[in-house]
Protein backbone atom coordinates (compact mmCIF):
# COMPACT_ATOMS: atom_id res chain seq x y z
CA MET A 1 30.74 16.55 61.28
CA LYS A 2 28.12 19.46 60.80
CA LYS A 3 30.23 20.39 57.84
CA ARG A 4 30.37 16.85 56.12
CA LEU A 5 26.60 16.47 56.60
CA ALA A 6 25.86 19.68 54.92
CA THR A 7 28.28 18.72 52.12
CA HIS A 8 26.41 15.58 51.39
CA LEU A 9 22.95 17.33 51.69
CA ALA A 10 23.97 19.71 49.17
CA THR A 11 25.51 17.18 46.69
CA MET A 12 22.43 15.22 46.94
CA VAL A 13 20.55 18.43 45.79
CA ILE A 14 23.00 19.63 42.81
CA THR A 15 22.79 15.92 41.84
CA SER A 16 18.73 15.81 41.90
CA ILE A 17 18.71 19.04 39.89
CA ALA A 18 21.15 17.44 37.16
CA THR A 19 20.00 14.24 36.78
CA PRO A 20 16.73 14.38 34.80
CA ILE A 21 13.70 12.17 36.07
CA MET A 22 12.45 9.52 33.80
CA ALA A 23 8.67 9.68 33.71
CA MET A 24 6.59 6.63 33.61
CA ASP A 25 5.07 5.07 30.40
CA VAL A 26 1.31 5.85 31.18
CA HIS A 27 -0.91 2.45 30.06
CA TYR A 28 -4.24 2.39 28.94
CA GLY A 29 -6.73 -0.35 28.71
CA ALA A 30 -9.34 -2.42 29.79
CA LYS A 31 -8.57 -4.99 32.41
CA PRO A 32 -10.37 -8.51 32.21
CA GLU A 33 -13.52 -7.45 34.10
CA GLN A 34 -14.04 -4.22 32.41
CA SER A 35 -13.29 -5.70 28.64
CA LYS A 36 -16.51 -4.84 27.05
CA TRP A 37 -17.04 -5.37 23.26
CA GLN A 38 -20.74 -3.65 21.82
CA MET A 39 -22.50 -3.99 18.64
CA ILE A 40 -24.09 -0.40 18.81
CA THR A 41 -25.21 -0.54 14.95
CA ASN A 42 -26.30 -3.42 13.01
CA THR A 43 -27.73 -2.53 9.75
CA PRO A 44 -28.29 -3.30 6.07
CA LEU A 45 -26.17 0.16 5.55
CA GLU A 46 -23.42 0.07 8.55
CA CYS A 47 -22.02 -2.08 11.08
CA ARG A 48 -20.14 -0.46 13.92
CA MET A 49 -18.63 -2.44 17.18
CA VAL A 50 -17.41 -0.43 20.15
CA HIS A 51 -15.00 -0.81 23.04
CA PRO A 52 -14.64 1.11 25.97
CA ILE A 53 -11.26 1.96 27.25
CA PRO A 54 -11.20 3.18 30.79
CA ASN A 55 -10.05 6.70 31.15
CA TYR A 56 -9.10 7.04 27.62
CA GLY A 57 -12.07 6.68 25.06
CA ASP A 58 -13.59 4.20 22.78
CA ALA A 59 -12.24 2.19 20.00
CA VAL A 60 -14.34 1.89 16.98
CA PHE A 61 -14.88 -0.14 14.12
CA SER A 62 -17.01 0.08 11.49
CA SER A 63 -18.10 -0.71 8.13
CA HIS A 64 -20.73 0.34 5.40
CA ALA A 65 -23.04 -0.17 2.54
CA SER A 66 -20.79 0.22 -0.55
CA LYS A 67 -19.86 -2.07 -3.73
CA LYS A 68 -16.47 -2.67 -2.10
CA ILE A 69 -15.97 -4.58 1.53
CA ASN A 70 -14.70 -1.68 3.55
CA LEU A 71 -13.32 -1.49 7.25
CA ASP A 72 -12.33 1.71 9.30
CA PHE A 73 -10.91 1.67 13.27
CA GLU A 74 -11.11 4.77 15.07
CA LEU A 75 -9.15 5.56 18.63
CA LYS A 76 -11.95 8.04 19.85
CA MET A 77 -10.17 10.40 22.45
CA LYS A 78 -11.68 11.99 25.38
CA ARG A 79 -8.52 14.51 25.17
CA PRO A 80 -7.94 14.94 21.35
CA MET A 81 -4.37 15.08 20.12
CA GLY A 82 -2.31 18.64 20.94
CA LYS A 83 0.42 17.49 18.29
CA THR A 84 0.75 15.09 15.30
CA ARG A 85 2.57 11.90 16.68
CA ASP A 86 4.02 9.06 14.98
CA VAL A 87 2.46 5.94 16.22
CA TYR A 88 3.72 2.59 17.00
CA LEU A 89 1.29 -0.77 16.55
CA VAL A 90 2.28 -3.19 18.31
CA SER A 91 0.24 -6.58 18.37
CA GLN A 92 1.22 -7.57 22.62
CA PRO A 93 0.35 -11.06 23.73
CA PRO A 94 -2.31 -11.01 26.70
CA ALA A 95 -0.12 -11.00 30.10
CA TRP A 96 -1.13 -14.59 30.87
CA ARG A 97 0.83 -15.69 27.78
CA PRO A 98 4.32 -14.50 28.93
CA GLY A 99 6.57 -16.42 26.72
CA ASP A 100 4.91 -14.66 23.91
CA LYS A 101 6.56 -11.56 22.43
CA GLY A 102 4.93 -8.35 20.81
CA GLU A 103 4.72 -8.17 17.13
CA ARG A 104 5.30 -5.03 15.19
CA ILE A 105 2.14 -4.32 12.83
CA THR A 106 3.04 -0.77 11.43
CA ASN A 107 3.58 2.85 11.73
CA ILE A 108 1.18 5.42 11.41
CA GLN A 109 0.42 9.28 12.11
CA PHE A 110 -2.45 10.48 14.51
CA PHE A 111 -2.89 14.21 13.44
CA GLN A 112 -3.69 16.93 16.04
CA GLN A 113 -7.18 17.77 17.01
CA PHE A 114 -8.34 14.36 15.27
CA ASP A 115 -9.05 11.06 16.38
CA GLY A 116 -6.65 8.19 15.67
CA TYR A 117 -7.98 6.72 12.32
CA VAL A 118 -6.86 3.27 10.59
CA GLY A 119 -7.97 2.02 7.75
CA GLY A 120 -7.94 -0.36 4.68
CA GLN A 121 -5.63 -3.67 5.57
CA THR A 122 -4.36 -2.34 8.48
CA ALA A 123 -7.66 -2.31 10.26
CA TRP A 124 -8.74 -5.97 9.18
CA THR A 125 -5.23 -6.62 10.92
CA LEU A 126 -6.24 -5.57 14.18
CA LEU A 127 -9.76 -7.34 13.74
CA THR A 128 -7.08 -10.41 12.97
CA GLU A 129 -5.05 -10.12 16.06
CA LEU A 130 -7.37 -9.38 18.53
CA GLU A 131 -9.58 -13.02 17.01
CA LYS A 132 -6.14 -14.67 18.28
CA GLY A 133 -6.55 -13.24 21.45
CA ARG A 134 -3.94 -10.69 21.47
CA TYR A 135 -3.66 -7.01 22.35
CA PRO A 136 -2.93 -4.26 19.56
CA THR A 137 -1.33 -1.96 21.02
CA PHE A 138 -0.89 2.07 20.05
CA SER A 139 2.41 3.71 21.35
CA TYR A 140 3.18 7.37 20.86
CA GLN A 141 4.80 10.44 22.80
CA GLU A 142 2.89 12.23 24.99
CA TRP A 143 2.67 15.63 23.38
CA GLN A 144 2.17 17.51 26.74
CA SER A 145 5.83 15.93 27.60
CA ARG A 146 8.82 14.74 26.19
CA ASP A 147 9.61 11.94 28.51
CA GLN A 148 6.46 10.19 28.56
CA ARG A 149 5.11 7.65 26.31
CA ILE A 150 1.62 6.88 26.14
CA GLU A 151 0.22 3.18 25.45
CA VAL A 152 -3.40 2.38 24.43
CA ALA A 153 -4.09 -1.44 24.17
CA LEU A 154 -7.56 -3.27 22.81
CA SER A 155 -8.64 -5.98 25.03
CA SER A 156 -9.63 -9.31 23.13
CA VAL A 157 -11.53 -10.37 26.55
CA LEU A 158 -15.06 -11.04 25.58
CA PHE A 159 -14.23 -10.00 21.82
CA GLN A 160 -15.10 -13.00 19.49
CA ASN A 161 -18.87 -12.93 20.02
CA SER A 162 -19.59 -9.32 19.03
CA TYR A 163 -17.26 -9.82 16.34
CA ASN A 164 -19.36 -12.50 14.73
CA VAL A 165 -22.08 -10.45 14.92
CA PHE A 166 -19.90 -7.74 13.14
CA SER A 167 -19.00 -10.17 10.61
CA ASP A 168 -22.61 -11.33 9.84
CA CYS A 169 -23.60 -7.93 9.81
CA ILE A 170 -20.47 -6.80 6.93
CA ALA A 171 -21.35 -9.72 4.94
CA ASN A 172 -25.02 -8.62 4.95
CA LEU A 173 -24.46 -4.88 4.02
CA LEU A 174 -26.03 -3.55 0.63
CA PRO A 175 -23.62 -3.55 -2.24
CA TYR A 176 -24.16 0.08 -3.09
CA SER A 177 -23.83 3.34 -1.15
CA PHE A 178 -26.12 6.08 -0.65
CA GLU A 179 -23.77 8.11 -3.71
CA ASP A 180 -24.45 5.32 -5.76
CA ILE A 181 -28.20 5.94 -6.32
CA ALA A 182 -28.22 9.43 -5.43
CA PHE A 183 -28.70 10.35 -9.21
CA THR A 184 -30.08 7.69 -11.01
CA ILE A 185 -31.10 7.75 -14.42
CA LEU A 186 -34.00 5.00 -15.83
CA HIS A 187 -35.56 4.19 -18.96
CA TYR A 188 -39.20 3.03 -20.06
CA ASP A 189 -40.16 1.19 -23.16
CA ARG A 190 -42.24 3.02 -25.98
CA SER A 191 -45.41 3.91 -24.47
CA ARG A 192 -45.20 1.92 -21.64
CA VAL A 193 -46.24 3.49 -17.94
CA GLU A 194 -43.76 1.28 -16.15
CA LEU A 195 -40.26 1.36 -16.37
CA SER A 196 -38.23 -1.63 -18.48
CA LYS A 197 -37.17 -4.51 -16.51
CA ALA A 198 -33.97 -3.93 -16.08
CA SER A 199 -34.79 -0.40 -14.63
CA GLN A 200 -37.10 -1.92 -12.16
CA LYS A 201 -34.38 -3.88 -10.68
CA ARG A 202 -32.43 -0.80 -10.28
CA LEU A 203 -35.22 0.80 -8.58
CA ALA A 204 -35.81 -2.18 -6.40
CA GLN A 205 -32.17 -1.01 -5.05
CA ILE A 206 -33.49 2.64 -4.41
CA ALA A 207 -36.02 1.27 -2.54
CA GLU A 208 -34.52 -1.12 -0.38
CA TYR A 209 -31.88 1.44 0.63
CA ILE A 210 -34.67 3.99 1.06
CA LYS A 211 -36.47 1.36 3.95
CA HIS A 212 -33.07 1.21 5.75
CA ASN A 213 -32.36 4.82 5.58
CA GLN A 214 -34.33 7.32 7.56
CA ASP A 215 -32.29 10.44 6.77
CA ILE A 216 -33.79 10.50 3.06
CA ASP A 217 -35.77 13.92 3.34
CA LEU A 218 -36.20 14.88 -0.46
CA VAL A 219 -36.83 12.49 -3.47
CA LEU A 220 -37.13 14.40 -6.72
CA VAL A 221 -38.71 12.71 -9.85
CA SER A 222 -38.25 14.12 -13.33
CA THR A 223 -40.11 12.27 -16.14
CA TYR A 224 -39.24 12.52 -20.19
CA THR A 225 -41.00 10.70 -23.46
CA GLY A 226 -39.22 10.76 -26.94
CA ASN A 227 -41.43 12.42 -29.88
CA GLU A 228 -42.75 9.37 -30.98
CA ASP A 229 -46.45 10.77 -29.95
CA PRO A 230 -47.78 13.86 -30.50
CA LYS A 231 -47.27 16.68 -27.86
CA SER A 232 -49.90 16.31 -26.09
CA MET A 233 -49.93 12.59 -25.62
CA SER A 234 -46.62 12.46 -24.45
CA GLN A 235 -47.17 15.00 -21.88
CA ASN A 236 -50.29 13.03 -20.61
CA LEU A 237 -47.99 9.77 -20.62
CA SER A 238 -44.83 11.68 -18.80
CA GLU A 239 -47.27 12.78 -15.89
CA GLN A 240 -48.66 9.46 -15.73
CA ARG A 241 -45.44 7.72 -15.44
CA ALA A 242 -44.50 10.63 -12.77
CA GLU A 243 -47.76 9.77 -10.69
CA VAL A 244 -46.68 5.85 -10.38
CA LEU A 245 -43.29 6.77 -9.15
CA GLN A 246 -45.08 9.07 -6.39
CA THR A 247 -47.22 6.38 -5.44
CA TYR A 248 -44.25 3.94 -5.60
CA PHE A 249 -42.19 6.25 -3.12
CA GLN A 250 -45.45 6.92 -0.67
CA SER A 251 -45.64 2.82 -0.30
CA LEU A 252 -41.92 3.16 1.07
CA GLY A 253 -43.17 5.29 3.82
CA LEU A 254 -41.70 8.64 2.60
CA PRO A 255 -44.04 11.18 3.51
CA GLU A 256 -45.64 12.70 0.46
CA ASP A 257 -44.20 16.35 1.23
CA ARG A 258 -40.76 14.86 0.59
CA ILE A 259 -41.78 13.60 -2.92
CA GLN A 260 -41.41 16.07 -5.79
CA VAL A 261 -42.63 15.04 -9.02
CA GLN A 262 -42.78 16.76 -12.72
CA GLY A 263 -43.78 15.40 -16.08
CA TYR A 264 -42.03 17.11 -18.86
CA GLY A 265 -43.08 15.21 -21.79
CA ARG A 266 -41.02 16.03 -25.00
CA ARG A 267 -39.07 19.05 -23.42
CA ARG A 268 -35.55 18.72 -22.55
CA PRO A 269 -34.35 15.93 -24.95
CA VAL A 270 -30.57 14.41 -24.19
CA ALA A 271 -30.33 13.15 -27.85
CA ASP A 272 -31.63 13.04 -30.97
CA ASN A 273 -35.12 12.28 -31.45
CA ASN A 274 -34.36 11.21 -35.11
CA SER A 275 -32.82 8.15 -34.12
CA PRO A 276 -33.89 5.02 -32.33
CA LEU A 277 -31.32 5.00 -29.96
CA GLY A 278 -31.68 8.86 -29.15
CA LYS A 279 -34.93 8.47 -28.80
CA ASP A 280 -34.64 5.40 -26.12
CA LYS A 281 -32.20 7.95 -24.49
CA ASN A 282 -35.06 10.65 -23.87
CA ARG A 283 -37.65 8.11 -22.89
CA ARG A 284 -36.33 8.35 -19.01
CA VAL A 285 -36.99 9.33 -15.44
CA VAL A 286 -34.68 11.52 -13.31
CA ILE A 287 -34.76 10.47 -9.84
CA SER A 288 -32.20 12.62 -7.34
CA LEU A 289 -31.80 11.90 -3.52
CA GLY A 290 -31.52 14.05 -0.76
CA ARG A 291 -30.69 13.48 2.83
CA THR A 292 -30.02 15.44 5.98
CA GLN A 293 -26.82 13.54 7.53
CA VAL A 294 -24.14 12.66 5.17
C-alpha cells in the first residue's frame, strides 16, 4: 500500500513538472460604477478627453488647432511597455448584450518604452464604437510572460455626455496651428502705416491664437519699405509701422519685454525695387513668434 501511494505521488510530481501551467489573461477595464470620461482641456487650441483605467493608466483622446481635422488617441500606461508588441484591437459588446459578438477593428503595434498610440481613421473608429455602446479592447502578449495576454478595455458607460462636449470643442478649434503663424510676412499699401486689408485679416488670426496661448514668450517684428520715398522718410515710416504693431501686440496682453520691434526702412530688400511688383514685396513686415512649449 505504501509503495503504491509513493508511486502515485511521484507520478503527480512528474506530471506537474512536465505539464505547463496555462496563465490566465489579465483584463483591465473600468467597471460600470468606475467608468468616468472627463474633458480636461476645452479651448480653441486643444480638446482633450480622458478615461481612467483602474490599475493600468489613462485612455486619452485629443485634437489640436490645425488646417485639417485631426484626432489622436493614446493609451498612457503606468508601466511602459518593455518590448514592442503586436496588438489586436477588437470592439467587444458590453456584458449586458451577450448575444452580440466581438468585431475586429485592426492590428497595430505598441512600441517599447512608449505609450500606445492610435491616430487617423482608427482613432475616429474608436469613438464610433464607444458611441455605439461597445468596448474597444486592446489585446497583446505580456512582455514579461510568454503565456499571458493583457486585455485593456475602454468602457462606454457615461461616455456620451463628455463625447458631445468633445465634439463641440473640435468643431470650434482654430483652423490653423502655431506652425502656420509662427513666421508670417504681411504687406502695406504705399506710404500707409496700416497694413493692407488682406494682411489685417492675417494679423487678426495671429492675434486670436495669441489670446488663447499663454506660452508665447517672444514676438519679433521687423518692418521694411520700398524705395518710393527718400531714405530718411522711409526709415521714419518703417519705425512708425513697427510702433503701431508693438502697441497692437501689447493690447493683446503680451508684456512689453516679450515684444521686440525694429524698423529697417529701405534696407534688406527681397525684390527688385525698380519694378512695381518688387516694391510691393519689399513693403513688408516680418512677424516671428516664439513659445516656451511645443
